[in-house]
N, C-alpha and C. Protein backbone atom coordinates (compact mmCIF):
# COMPACT_ATOMS: atom_id res chain seq x y z
N MET A 1 0.84 -1.19 0.00
CA MET A 1 0.00 0.00 0.00
C MET A 1 0.88 1.25 0.00
N SER A 2 0.53 2.23 -0.84
CA SER A 2 1.33 3.44 -0.97
C SER A 2 1.23 4.29 0.28
N GLY A 3 2.38 4.80 0.77
CA GLY A 3 2.37 5.72 1.89
C GLY A 3 1.93 7.10 1.43
N PRO A 4 1.58 7.97 2.38
CA PRO A 4 1.11 9.31 2.00
C PRO A 4 2.15 10.13 1.26
N ASP A 5 3.43 9.92 1.57
CA ASP A 5 4.46 10.68 0.87
C ASP A 5 4.49 10.33 -0.61
N LEU A 6 4.35 9.03 -0.91
CA LEU A 6 4.34 8.62 -2.32
C LEU A 6 3.06 9.09 -3.01
N LEU A 7 1.93 9.02 -2.32
CA LEU A 7 0.67 9.49 -2.90
C LEU A 7 0.77 10.95 -3.31
N VAL A 8 1.34 11.78 -2.44
CA VAL A 8 1.46 13.22 -2.73
C VAL A 8 2.49 13.45 -3.83
N LEU A 9 3.63 12.80 -3.73
CA LEU A 9 4.67 12.94 -4.75
C LEU A 9 4.13 12.56 -6.12
N HIS A 10 3.45 11.42 -6.18
CA HIS A 10 2.96 10.92 -7.47
C HIS A 10 1.78 11.74 -7.98
N ALA A 11 0.97 12.28 -7.08
CA ALA A 11 -0.12 13.15 -7.51
C ALA A 11 0.44 14.36 -8.25
N LEU A 12 1.51 14.94 -7.73
CA LEU A 12 2.13 16.07 -8.43
C LEU A 12 2.68 15.64 -9.78
N ARG A 13 3.20 14.44 -9.85
CA ARG A 13 3.69 13.92 -11.14
C ARG A 13 2.56 13.84 -12.17
N CYS A 14 1.35 13.47 -11.70
CA CYS A 14 0.24 13.24 -12.61
C CYS A 14 -0.55 14.49 -12.96
N VAL A 15 -0.66 15.43 -12.02
CA VAL A 15 -1.47 16.62 -12.28
C VAL A 15 -0.64 17.83 -12.63
N GLY A 16 0.68 17.76 -12.39
CA GLY A 16 1.51 18.93 -12.63
C GLY A 16 1.41 19.88 -11.44
N THR A 17 1.68 21.15 -11.67
CA THR A 17 1.61 22.16 -10.61
C THR A 17 0.20 22.24 -10.04
N ALA A 18 0.09 22.23 -8.71
CA ALA A 18 -1.24 22.20 -8.10
C ALA A 18 -1.19 22.76 -6.69
N GLY A 19 -2.37 23.18 -6.22
CA GLY A 19 -2.52 23.65 -4.85
C GLY A 19 -3.02 22.55 -3.95
N LEU A 20 -3.18 22.89 -2.68
CA LEU A 20 -3.55 21.88 -1.68
C LEU A 20 -4.91 21.25 -1.94
N THR A 21 -5.88 22.06 -2.37
CA THR A 21 -7.23 21.54 -2.56
C THR A 21 -7.25 20.45 -3.62
N ARG A 22 -6.59 20.71 -4.73
CA ARG A 22 -6.57 19.71 -5.80
C ARG A 22 -5.80 18.45 -5.38
N LEU A 23 -4.69 18.64 -4.69
CA LEU A 23 -3.90 17.48 -4.27
C LEU A 23 -4.64 16.66 -3.22
N ALA A 24 -5.40 17.32 -2.36
CA ALA A 24 -6.21 16.59 -1.38
C ALA A 24 -7.28 15.77 -2.08
N ALA A 25 -7.93 16.36 -3.08
CA ALA A 25 -8.95 15.62 -3.83
C ALA A 25 -8.34 14.43 -4.57
N THR A 26 -7.16 14.63 -5.10
CA THR A 26 -6.49 13.57 -5.86
C THR A 26 -6.07 12.41 -4.97
N THR A 27 -5.52 12.74 -3.80
CA THR A 27 -4.95 11.69 -2.94
C THR A 27 -5.94 11.11 -1.94
N GLY A 28 -6.99 11.88 -1.62
CA GLY A 28 -7.91 11.45 -0.58
C GLY A 28 -7.43 11.81 0.82
N LEU A 29 -6.32 12.52 0.92
CA LEU A 29 -5.80 12.99 2.20
C LEU A 29 -6.42 14.35 2.54
N THR A 30 -6.32 14.76 3.80
CA THR A 30 -6.78 16.10 4.17
C THR A 30 -5.75 17.13 3.70
N GLU A 31 -6.20 18.38 3.55
CA GLU A 31 -5.26 19.42 3.14
C GLU A 31 -4.10 19.59 4.11
N PRO A 32 -4.33 19.58 5.44
CA PRO A 32 -3.19 19.68 6.35
C PRO A 32 -2.20 18.52 6.19
N ASP A 33 -2.71 17.32 5.98
CA ASP A 33 -1.82 16.17 5.78
C ASP A 33 -1.03 16.31 4.48
N VAL A 34 -1.70 16.79 3.41
CA VAL A 34 -1.01 17.02 2.14
C VAL A 34 0.09 18.05 2.33
N GLU A 35 -0.23 19.14 3.02
CA GLU A 35 0.76 20.20 3.23
C GLU A 35 1.95 19.69 4.02
N SER A 36 1.69 18.89 5.05
CA SER A 36 2.77 18.32 5.85
C SER A 36 3.69 17.46 5.00
N GLU A 37 3.09 16.62 4.14
CA GLU A 37 3.90 15.77 3.26
C GLU A 37 4.71 16.62 2.27
N LEU A 38 4.08 17.67 1.73
CA LEU A 38 4.77 18.53 0.77
C LEU A 38 5.97 19.23 1.41
N ILE A 39 5.79 19.67 2.64
CA ILE A 39 6.91 20.33 3.34
C ILE A 39 8.06 19.35 3.54
N ASP A 40 7.74 18.12 3.96
CA ASP A 40 8.78 17.11 4.13
C ASP A 40 9.47 16.81 2.81
N LEU A 41 8.69 16.73 1.75
CA LEU A 41 9.27 16.47 0.43
C LEU A 41 10.12 17.63 -0.03
N ALA A 42 9.72 18.85 0.33
CA ALA A 42 10.50 20.04 -0.04
C ALA A 42 11.84 20.05 0.70
N VAL A 43 11.81 19.67 1.98
CA VAL A 43 13.05 19.59 2.75
C VAL A 43 14.01 18.59 2.11
N ALA A 44 13.45 17.55 1.52
CA ALA A 44 14.27 16.53 0.84
C ALA A 44 14.67 16.96 -0.57
N GLY A 45 14.20 18.14 -0.99
CA GLY A 45 14.56 18.65 -2.32
C GLY A 45 13.73 18.11 -3.45
N LEU A 46 12.56 17.52 -3.12
CA LEU A 46 11.76 16.84 -4.15
C LEU A 46 10.59 17.69 -4.66
N THR A 47 10.17 18.67 -3.86
CA THR A 47 9.09 19.56 -4.29
C THR A 47 9.49 21.00 -4.02
N THR A 48 8.78 21.90 -4.68
CA THR A 48 9.01 23.33 -4.46
C THR A 48 7.68 24.05 -4.49
N ARG A 49 7.58 25.15 -3.74
CA ARG A 49 6.33 25.91 -3.65
C ARG A 49 6.49 27.27 -4.28
N ASN A 50 5.52 27.65 -5.11
CA ASN A 50 5.45 29.00 -5.66
C ASN A 50 4.57 29.81 -4.72
N ALA A 51 5.17 30.66 -3.91
CA ALA A 51 4.42 31.40 -2.89
C ALA A 51 3.44 32.38 -3.51
N ASP A 52 3.76 32.93 -4.68
CA ASP A 52 2.87 33.91 -5.31
C ASP A 52 1.52 33.30 -5.65
N PHE A 53 1.52 32.04 -6.06
CA PHE A 53 0.28 31.39 -6.49
C PHE A 53 -0.17 30.27 -5.55
N ALA A 54 0.59 30.05 -4.46
CA ALA A 54 0.26 29.01 -3.49
C ALA A 54 0.09 27.64 -4.14
N VAL A 55 1.01 27.31 -5.04
CA VAL A 55 0.99 26.01 -5.71
C VAL A 55 2.33 25.32 -5.55
N TRP A 56 2.29 24.02 -5.72
CA TRP A 56 3.48 23.18 -5.56
C TRP A 56 3.79 22.47 -6.87
N SER A 57 5.05 22.11 -7.05
CA SER A 57 5.45 21.32 -8.22
C SER A 57 6.65 20.46 -7.84
N LEU A 58 6.93 19.49 -8.68
CA LEU A 58 8.09 18.63 -8.48
C LEU A 58 9.36 19.32 -8.95
N THR A 59 10.46 19.06 -8.28
CA THR A 59 11.76 19.42 -8.80
C THR A 59 12.22 18.29 -9.72
N ASP A 60 13.35 18.50 -10.40
CA ASP A 60 13.90 17.43 -11.23
C ASP A 60 14.21 16.20 -10.37
N ALA A 61 14.72 16.45 -9.17
CA ALA A 61 15.02 15.33 -8.26
C ALA A 61 13.73 14.64 -7.83
N GLY A 62 12.66 15.42 -7.67
CA GLY A 62 11.37 14.85 -7.30
C GLY A 62 10.81 13.97 -8.38
N ARG A 63 10.95 14.41 -9.62
CA ARG A 63 10.47 13.60 -10.74
C ARG A 63 11.26 12.28 -10.81
N ALA A 64 12.57 12.36 -10.63
CA ALA A 64 13.39 11.15 -10.67
C ALA A 64 13.04 10.22 -9.51
N ALA A 65 12.79 10.80 -8.33
CA ALA A 65 12.42 9.99 -7.17
C ALA A 65 11.09 9.30 -7.38
N ASP A 66 10.16 10.00 -8.02
CA ASP A 66 8.85 9.40 -8.28
C ASP A 66 8.98 8.20 -9.21
N VAL A 67 9.77 8.36 -10.27
CA VAL A 67 9.98 7.25 -11.20
C VAL A 67 10.52 6.04 -10.46
N GLU A 68 11.50 6.26 -9.61
CA GLU A 68 12.12 5.16 -8.87
C GLU A 68 11.14 4.51 -7.90
N ARG A 69 10.40 5.33 -7.16
CA ARG A 69 9.49 4.78 -6.14
C ARG A 69 8.30 4.06 -6.77
N ILE A 70 7.77 4.63 -7.84
CA ILE A 70 6.62 4.01 -8.50
C ILE A 70 7.03 2.68 -9.14
N THR A 71 8.22 2.66 -9.73
CA THR A 71 8.72 1.41 -10.31
C THR A 71 8.92 0.36 -9.23
N ASP A 72 9.48 0.77 -8.10
CA ASP A 72 9.67 -0.17 -6.98
C ASP A 72 8.32 -0.72 -6.50
N GLU A 73 7.33 0.17 -6.40
CA GLU A 73 6.00 -0.26 -5.96
C GLU A 73 5.41 -1.28 -6.94
N LEU A 74 5.53 -0.99 -8.21
CA LEU A 74 4.97 -1.86 -9.25
C LEU A 74 5.63 -3.24 -9.21
N GLU A 75 6.95 -3.24 -9.13
CA GLU A 75 7.67 -4.52 -9.18
C GLU A 75 7.51 -5.31 -7.89
N SER A 76 7.52 -4.64 -6.73
CA SER A 76 7.39 -5.37 -5.47
C SER A 76 6.00 -5.99 -5.33
N ALA A 77 4.99 -5.36 -5.96
CA ALA A 77 3.64 -5.92 -5.92
C ALA A 77 3.41 -6.92 -7.05
N ALA A 78 4.42 -7.09 -7.93
CA ALA A 78 4.29 -7.97 -9.09
C ALA A 78 3.01 -7.64 -9.88
N ALA A 79 2.76 -6.33 -10.01
CA ALA A 79 1.48 -5.88 -10.58
C ALA A 79 1.54 -5.53 -12.06
N ARG A 80 2.71 -5.60 -12.66
CA ARG A 80 2.83 -5.13 -14.05
C ARG A 80 1.90 -5.89 -15.02
N PRO A 81 1.82 -7.22 -14.98
CA PRO A 81 0.94 -7.91 -15.94
C PRO A 81 -0.52 -7.50 -15.80
N ALA A 82 -1.02 -7.45 -14.56
CA ALA A 82 -2.42 -7.09 -14.35
C ALA A 82 -2.68 -5.64 -14.74
N LEU A 83 -1.72 -4.76 -14.43
CA LEU A 83 -1.89 -3.35 -14.76
C LEU A 83 -1.84 -3.13 -16.27
N THR A 84 -0.99 -3.88 -16.94
CA THR A 84 -0.90 -3.77 -18.40
C THR A 84 -2.20 -4.22 -19.06
N THR A 85 -2.79 -5.29 -18.56
CA THR A 85 -4.07 -5.76 -19.09
C THR A 85 -5.17 -4.73 -18.87
N ALA A 86 -5.20 -4.15 -17.67
CA ALA A 86 -6.21 -3.13 -17.38
C ALA A 86 -5.99 -1.88 -18.24
N PHE A 87 -4.73 -1.55 -18.48
CA PHE A 87 -4.43 -0.39 -19.33
C PHE A 87 -4.95 -0.62 -20.75
N ASP A 88 -4.86 -1.84 -21.24
CA ASP A 88 -5.42 -2.15 -22.56
C ASP A 88 -6.93 -1.85 -22.57
N GLY A 89 -7.62 -2.19 -21.48
CA GLY A 89 -9.04 -1.89 -21.37
C GLY A 89 -9.29 -0.39 -21.32
N PHE A 90 -8.43 0.34 -20.64
CA PHE A 90 -8.53 1.79 -20.59
C PHE A 90 -8.41 2.38 -22.00
N LEU A 91 -7.45 1.89 -22.76
CA LEU A 91 -7.21 2.43 -24.10
C LEU A 91 -8.39 2.18 -25.04
N VAL A 92 -9.12 1.10 -24.82
CA VAL A 92 -10.34 0.85 -25.61
C VAL A 92 -11.39 1.91 -25.32
N LEU A 93 -11.50 2.29 -24.04
CA LEU A 93 -12.51 3.26 -23.63
C LEU A 93 -12.13 4.71 -23.93
N ASN A 94 -10.84 5.00 -23.97
CA ASN A 94 -10.38 6.38 -24.04
C ASN A 94 -10.96 7.19 -25.21
N PRO A 95 -10.98 6.67 -26.44
CA PRO A 95 -11.56 7.46 -27.54
C PRO A 95 -13.04 7.76 -27.33
N GLU A 96 -13.76 6.82 -26.73
CA GLU A 96 -15.18 7.04 -26.47
C GLU A 96 -15.38 8.17 -25.47
N LEU A 97 -14.53 8.21 -24.43
CA LEU A 97 -14.64 9.29 -23.45
C LEU A 97 -14.41 10.65 -24.11
N LEU A 98 -13.43 10.72 -24.99
CA LEU A 98 -13.15 11.98 -25.68
C LEU A 98 -14.33 12.39 -26.56
N ASP A 99 -14.94 11.43 -27.23
CA ASP A 99 -16.12 11.72 -28.06
C ASP A 99 -17.28 12.20 -27.20
N LEU A 100 -17.47 11.60 -26.03
CA LEU A 100 -18.55 12.01 -25.15
C LEU A 100 -18.34 13.43 -24.63
N CYS A 101 -17.11 13.77 -24.31
CA CYS A 101 -16.82 15.13 -23.85
C CYS A 101 -17.10 16.14 -24.95
N THR A 102 -16.75 15.79 -26.18
CA THR A 102 -17.06 16.67 -27.31
C THR A 102 -18.56 16.83 -27.47
N ALA A 103 -19.29 15.72 -27.32
CA ALA A 103 -20.76 15.78 -27.43
C ALA A 103 -21.37 16.65 -26.34
N TRP A 104 -20.72 16.70 -25.18
CA TRP A 104 -21.21 17.54 -24.08
C TRP A 104 -20.93 19.02 -24.34
N GLN A 105 -19.81 19.29 -24.99
CA GLN A 105 -19.40 20.68 -25.21
C GLN A 105 -19.98 21.28 -26.49
N LEU A 106 -20.29 20.42 -27.46
CA LEU A 106 -20.84 20.86 -28.74
C LEU A 106 -22.10 20.06 -29.05
N ARG A 107 -23.02 20.68 -29.79
CA ARG A 107 -24.21 19.94 -30.22
C ARG A 107 -24.55 20.33 -31.65
N PRO A 108 -25.20 19.42 -32.38
CA PRO A 108 -25.55 19.72 -33.77
C PRO A 108 -26.74 20.67 -33.85
N ALA A 109 -26.67 21.58 -34.82
CA ALA A 109 -27.77 22.50 -35.07
C ALA A 109 -27.72 22.91 -36.54
N ASP A 110 -28.77 22.57 -37.27
CA ASP A 110 -28.85 22.92 -38.69
C ASP A 110 -27.64 22.42 -39.46
N GLY A 111 -27.21 21.23 -39.15
CA GLY A 111 -26.13 20.60 -39.92
C GLY A 111 -24.73 21.00 -39.52
N VAL A 112 -24.59 21.86 -38.51
CA VAL A 112 -23.26 22.26 -38.05
C VAL A 112 -23.19 22.04 -36.53
N MET A 113 -21.97 22.00 -36.03
CA MET A 113 -21.77 21.85 -34.59
C MET A 113 -21.62 23.24 -33.96
N ILE A 114 -22.37 23.47 -32.89
CA ILE A 114 -22.29 24.74 -32.18
C ILE A 114 -22.00 24.47 -30.70
N ALA A 115 -21.56 25.49 -29.99
CA ALA A 115 -21.30 25.34 -28.56
C ALA A 115 -22.59 24.93 -27.86
N ASN A 116 -22.48 23.96 -26.98
CA ASN A 116 -23.65 23.50 -26.24
C ASN A 116 -23.92 24.47 -25.09
N ASP A 117 -25.01 25.21 -25.18
CA ASP A 117 -25.36 26.15 -24.10
C ASP A 117 -26.21 25.47 -23.02
N HIS A 118 -26.46 24.18 -23.18
CA HIS A 118 -27.18 23.34 -22.21
C HIS A 118 -28.63 23.77 -22.01
N ARG A 119 -29.19 24.45 -23.01
CA ARG A 119 -30.61 24.81 -22.94
C ARG A 119 -31.49 23.67 -23.46
N ASP A 120 -30.90 22.82 -24.29
CA ASP A 120 -31.65 21.67 -24.81
C ASP A 120 -31.51 20.53 -23.80
N LEU A 121 -32.45 20.46 -22.89
CA LEU A 121 -32.36 19.51 -21.79
C LEU A 121 -32.44 18.06 -22.25
N SER A 122 -33.20 17.82 -23.31
CA SER A 122 -33.32 16.44 -23.80
C SER A 122 -31.99 15.99 -24.41
N TYR A 123 -31.30 16.91 -25.10
CA TYR A 123 -29.99 16.57 -25.66
C TYR A 123 -29.01 16.24 -24.53
N ASP A 124 -28.96 17.10 -23.51
CA ASP A 124 -28.05 16.86 -22.39
C ASP A 124 -28.38 15.54 -21.70
N ALA A 125 -29.67 15.24 -21.56
CA ALA A 125 -30.07 14.00 -20.91
C ALA A 125 -29.57 12.79 -21.69
N ARG A 126 -29.61 12.87 -23.02
CA ARG A 126 -29.13 11.76 -23.85
C ARG A 126 -27.61 11.58 -23.66
N VAL A 127 -26.89 12.69 -23.62
CA VAL A 127 -25.43 12.59 -23.43
C VAL A 127 -25.12 12.02 -22.05
N LEU A 128 -25.85 12.46 -21.03
CA LEU A 128 -25.63 11.95 -19.68
C LEU A 128 -25.95 10.45 -19.59
N ASP A 129 -26.96 10.01 -20.32
CA ASP A 129 -27.27 8.58 -20.35
C ASP A 129 -26.10 7.80 -20.94
N ARG A 130 -25.51 8.34 -21.99
CA ARG A 130 -24.34 7.70 -22.60
C ARG A 130 -23.15 7.70 -21.62
N PHE A 131 -23.00 8.80 -20.88
CA PHE A 131 -21.95 8.86 -19.87
C PHE A 131 -22.16 7.81 -18.79
N ALA A 132 -23.41 7.63 -18.38
CA ALA A 132 -23.72 6.64 -17.35
C ALA A 132 -23.33 5.24 -17.81
N ASP A 133 -23.63 4.93 -19.08
CA ASP A 133 -23.26 3.64 -19.64
C ASP A 133 -21.74 3.51 -19.70
N PHE A 134 -21.07 4.57 -20.13
CA PHE A 134 -19.60 4.57 -20.17
C PHE A 134 -19.04 4.34 -18.78
N HIS A 135 -19.61 5.01 -17.79
CA HIS A 135 -19.10 4.93 -16.43
C HIS A 135 -19.20 3.51 -15.88
N ARG A 136 -20.27 2.80 -16.23
CA ARG A 136 -20.40 1.41 -15.79
C ARG A 136 -19.26 0.55 -16.34
N ARG A 137 -18.90 0.80 -17.58
CA ARG A 137 -17.80 0.03 -18.18
C ARG A 137 -16.44 0.49 -17.66
N ALA A 138 -16.32 1.80 -17.39
CA ALA A 138 -15.08 2.32 -16.82
C ALA A 138 -14.85 1.76 -15.41
N ALA A 139 -15.95 1.51 -14.69
CA ALA A 139 -15.84 0.97 -13.33
C ALA A 139 -15.17 -0.40 -13.33
N VAL A 140 -15.39 -1.17 -14.39
CA VAL A 140 -14.76 -2.49 -14.49
C VAL A 140 -13.24 -2.34 -14.61
N VAL A 141 -12.81 -1.40 -15.46
CA VAL A 141 -11.38 -1.15 -15.62
C VAL A 141 -10.78 -0.62 -14.32
N CYS A 142 -11.49 0.29 -13.67
CA CYS A 142 -11.00 0.85 -12.40
C CYS A 142 -10.85 -0.25 -11.34
N ALA A 143 -11.79 -1.20 -11.33
CA ALA A 143 -11.71 -2.30 -10.38
C ALA A 143 -10.49 -3.18 -10.66
N GLU A 144 -10.20 -3.41 -11.92
CA GLU A 144 -9.01 -4.18 -12.29
C GLU A 144 -7.74 -3.46 -11.85
N LEU A 145 -7.73 -2.13 -12.04
CA LEU A 145 -6.56 -1.34 -11.66
C LEU A 145 -6.35 -1.36 -10.15
N SER A 146 -7.42 -1.16 -9.40
CA SER A 146 -7.28 -1.11 -7.94
C SER A 146 -6.96 -2.48 -7.36
N ALA A 147 -7.38 -3.55 -8.05
CA ALA A 147 -7.00 -4.89 -7.61
C ALA A 147 -5.51 -5.12 -7.79
N ALA A 148 -4.94 -4.48 -8.81
CA ALA A 148 -3.50 -4.62 -9.06
C ALA A 148 -2.69 -3.75 -8.10
N LEU A 149 -3.12 -2.49 -7.92
CA LEU A 149 -2.48 -1.55 -6.99
C LEU A 149 -3.58 -0.74 -6.31
N SER A 150 -3.66 -0.83 -5.01
CA SER A 150 -4.80 -0.24 -4.30
C SER A 150 -4.93 1.26 -4.49
N ARG A 151 -3.83 1.97 -4.73
CA ARG A 151 -3.94 3.43 -4.87
C ARG A 151 -4.78 3.85 -6.07
N PHE A 152 -4.98 2.94 -7.03
CA PHE A 152 -5.83 3.28 -8.18
C PHE A 152 -7.31 3.31 -7.81
N GLY A 153 -7.67 2.80 -6.64
CA GLY A 153 -9.07 2.78 -6.24
C GLY A 153 -9.68 4.16 -6.11
N ARG A 154 -8.85 5.16 -5.86
CA ARG A 154 -9.34 6.54 -5.69
C ARG A 154 -9.98 7.07 -6.98
N TYR A 155 -9.57 6.59 -8.13
CA TYR A 155 -10.09 7.12 -9.39
C TYR A 155 -11.58 6.85 -9.57
N HIS A 156 -12.01 5.64 -9.24
CA HIS A 156 -13.44 5.34 -9.41
C HIS A 156 -14.29 6.21 -8.50
N VAL A 157 -13.82 6.43 -7.29
CA VAL A 157 -14.53 7.30 -6.35
C VAL A 157 -14.65 8.71 -6.94
N ARG A 158 -13.55 9.24 -7.43
CA ARG A 158 -13.54 10.61 -7.96
C ARG A 158 -14.38 10.75 -9.23
N LEU A 159 -14.31 9.75 -10.11
CA LEU A 159 -15.11 9.79 -11.34
C LEU A 159 -16.61 9.76 -11.00
N THR A 160 -16.97 8.91 -10.05
CA THR A 160 -18.37 8.84 -9.63
C THR A 160 -18.84 10.16 -9.05
N GLU A 161 -18.02 10.76 -8.21
CA GLU A 161 -18.36 12.05 -7.60
C GLU A 161 -18.54 13.14 -8.66
N ALA A 162 -17.67 13.15 -9.67
CA ALA A 162 -17.78 14.16 -10.73
C ALA A 162 -19.07 13.98 -11.52
N LEU A 163 -19.43 12.74 -11.81
CA LEU A 163 -20.67 12.47 -12.53
C LEU A 163 -21.88 12.87 -11.67
N ASP A 164 -21.81 12.59 -10.39
CA ASP A 164 -22.90 12.97 -9.48
C ASP A 164 -23.04 14.49 -9.40
N ARG A 165 -21.92 15.20 -9.35
CA ARG A 165 -21.98 16.67 -9.30
C ARG A 165 -22.61 17.22 -10.57
N THR A 166 -22.30 16.61 -11.71
CA THR A 166 -22.89 17.05 -12.98
C THR A 166 -24.39 16.85 -12.96
N ARG A 167 -24.83 15.68 -12.52
CA ARG A 167 -26.26 15.39 -12.45
C ARG A 167 -26.98 16.34 -11.49
N ALA A 168 -26.24 16.84 -10.49
CA ALA A 168 -26.83 17.76 -9.52
C ALA A 168 -26.88 19.20 -10.03
N GLY A 169 -26.38 19.42 -11.25
CA GLY A 169 -26.49 20.74 -11.86
C GLY A 169 -25.19 21.48 -12.08
N LYS A 170 -24.08 20.92 -11.61
CA LYS A 170 -22.78 21.57 -11.85
C LYS A 170 -22.24 21.06 -13.18
N LEU A 171 -22.72 21.67 -14.26
CA LEU A 171 -22.49 21.13 -15.60
C LEU A 171 -21.02 21.14 -16.01
N GLU A 172 -20.23 22.02 -15.41
CA GLU A 172 -18.81 22.10 -15.74
C GLU A 172 -18.05 20.89 -15.22
N GLU A 173 -18.68 20.09 -14.34
CA GLU A 173 -17.98 18.97 -13.71
C GLU A 173 -17.89 17.73 -14.61
N LEU A 174 -18.40 17.85 -15.82
CA LEU A 174 -18.25 16.74 -16.76
C LEU A 174 -17.00 16.89 -17.62
N ALA A 175 -16.76 18.11 -18.12
CA ALA A 175 -15.64 18.25 -19.05
C ALA A 175 -14.92 19.59 -19.00
N ASP A 176 -15.28 20.46 -18.05
CA ASP A 176 -14.76 21.83 -18.14
C ASP A 176 -14.19 22.39 -16.85
N SER A 177 -13.65 21.55 -15.98
CA SER A 177 -13.00 22.05 -14.77
C SER A 177 -11.88 21.10 -14.39
N THR A 178 -11.00 21.54 -13.48
CA THR A 178 -9.90 20.67 -13.06
C THR A 178 -10.39 19.50 -12.20
N SER A 179 -11.63 19.57 -11.73
CA SER A 179 -12.21 18.46 -10.97
C SER A 179 -13.22 17.66 -11.78
N SER A 180 -13.25 17.90 -13.10
CA SER A 180 -14.25 17.27 -13.96
C SER A 180 -13.92 15.80 -14.23
N TYR A 181 -14.93 15.10 -14.71
CA TYR A 181 -14.77 13.69 -15.10
C TYR A 181 -13.63 13.56 -16.10
N HIS A 182 -13.62 14.46 -17.09
CA HIS A 182 -12.58 14.42 -18.12
C HIS A 182 -11.19 14.65 -17.53
N ALA A 183 -11.06 15.62 -16.60
CA ALA A 183 -9.76 15.92 -16.01
C ALA A 183 -9.26 14.74 -15.17
N ILE A 184 -10.17 14.10 -14.45
CA ILE A 184 -9.78 12.94 -13.62
C ILE A 184 -9.37 11.78 -14.52
N TRP A 185 -10.11 11.57 -15.60
CA TRP A 185 -9.75 10.53 -16.56
C TRP A 185 -8.37 10.79 -17.16
N ALA A 186 -8.08 12.06 -17.46
CA ALA A 186 -6.77 12.42 -18.01
C ALA A 186 -5.66 12.16 -16.99
N GLU A 187 -5.94 12.42 -15.71
CA GLU A 187 -4.97 12.11 -14.65
C GLU A 187 -4.72 10.60 -14.59
N LEU A 188 -5.80 9.83 -14.71
CA LEU A 188 -5.66 8.37 -14.70
C LEU A 188 -4.78 7.92 -15.86
N HIS A 189 -4.99 8.50 -17.02
CA HIS A 189 -4.18 8.16 -18.20
C HIS A 189 -2.70 8.46 -17.92
N GLU A 190 -2.44 9.65 -17.37
CA GLU A 190 -1.07 10.04 -17.05
C GLU A 190 -0.47 9.10 -16.01
N ASP A 191 -1.27 8.73 -15.02
CA ASP A 191 -0.81 7.83 -13.96
C ASP A 191 -0.42 6.47 -14.54
N LEU A 192 -1.24 5.95 -15.43
CA LEU A 192 -0.95 4.65 -16.03
C LEU A 192 0.34 4.70 -16.86
N LEU A 193 0.49 5.75 -17.64
CA LEU A 193 1.72 5.90 -18.43
C LEU A 193 2.94 5.99 -17.53
N ALA A 194 2.82 6.80 -16.47
CA ALA A 194 3.95 6.98 -15.55
C ALA A 194 4.27 5.69 -14.81
N THR A 195 3.24 5.01 -14.33
CA THR A 195 3.46 3.79 -13.55
C THR A 195 4.07 2.68 -14.39
N LEU A 196 3.61 2.57 -15.63
CA LEU A 196 4.12 1.52 -16.51
C LEU A 196 5.38 1.93 -17.26
N GLY A 197 5.80 3.19 -17.09
CA GLY A 197 7.02 3.68 -17.74
C GLY A 197 6.88 3.81 -19.24
N ILE A 198 5.67 4.18 -19.67
CA ILE A 198 5.40 4.34 -21.11
C ILE A 198 5.51 5.83 -21.45
N PRO A 199 6.40 6.20 -22.40
CA PRO A 199 6.52 7.62 -22.74
C PRO A 199 5.29 8.12 -23.47
N ARG A 200 5.02 9.40 -23.34
CA ARG A 200 3.91 10.04 -24.03
C ARG A 200 4.12 9.96 -25.54
C-alpha cells in the first residue's frame, strides 16, 4: 500500500503544478496532511512551492524519485501484468470518453456543430445517459486497476463524484474544470503511463 508521501509525490507527477485543494482531492488525504507531506518532500529537495500562487510542483530530483518509487511499488507488488491488461481496457474506452466530452461541449444545429449552451435539456439528458453507460464500463477497468495496486481505487470514487456533481447541476464537472470527469480521466491516463514507464 502506498504511503502518504508517495501518494502526494505521485499526484504532483500526474497533475503537474497544483494547490492543496486539488492534491487533497487527488490523494484522498486532508489538506493539512497534504501540506505536511509537501513540506517534508520540499526539505528533501523533491518539491518546491510557488508562494505567489500558493501552488506546488516537483523538482527534477522529485520527478526522478517518483519514477524510482513508483517502479519499486509496481515490481514489489508484481502488478505489471495485471496493470498492463487493465491499461489495454482503458485504451479501448479512451476514444469514447473523448467523443462524449465533445458531445457535451458541442451539439448539432442545422447541420453544423455549435457550442452547447445546455438549454436543450433532452440533448443533455441523452449525453448523460451515454456517460452513465460509459461509467459502468469504466468501473470495471477501475476495479481491475485497484485490484492490481490499491492506490488506483481513488479514481473510481472521484469519477463517480464528478458524474454525481454534474447530475446535480454543476455542468462544468463533466468536461470543463480541473475536478471534472474528463480531467480525472486524463490524470488516470497520465498515472498509467507513468506507472508503466510508457513515454507520451
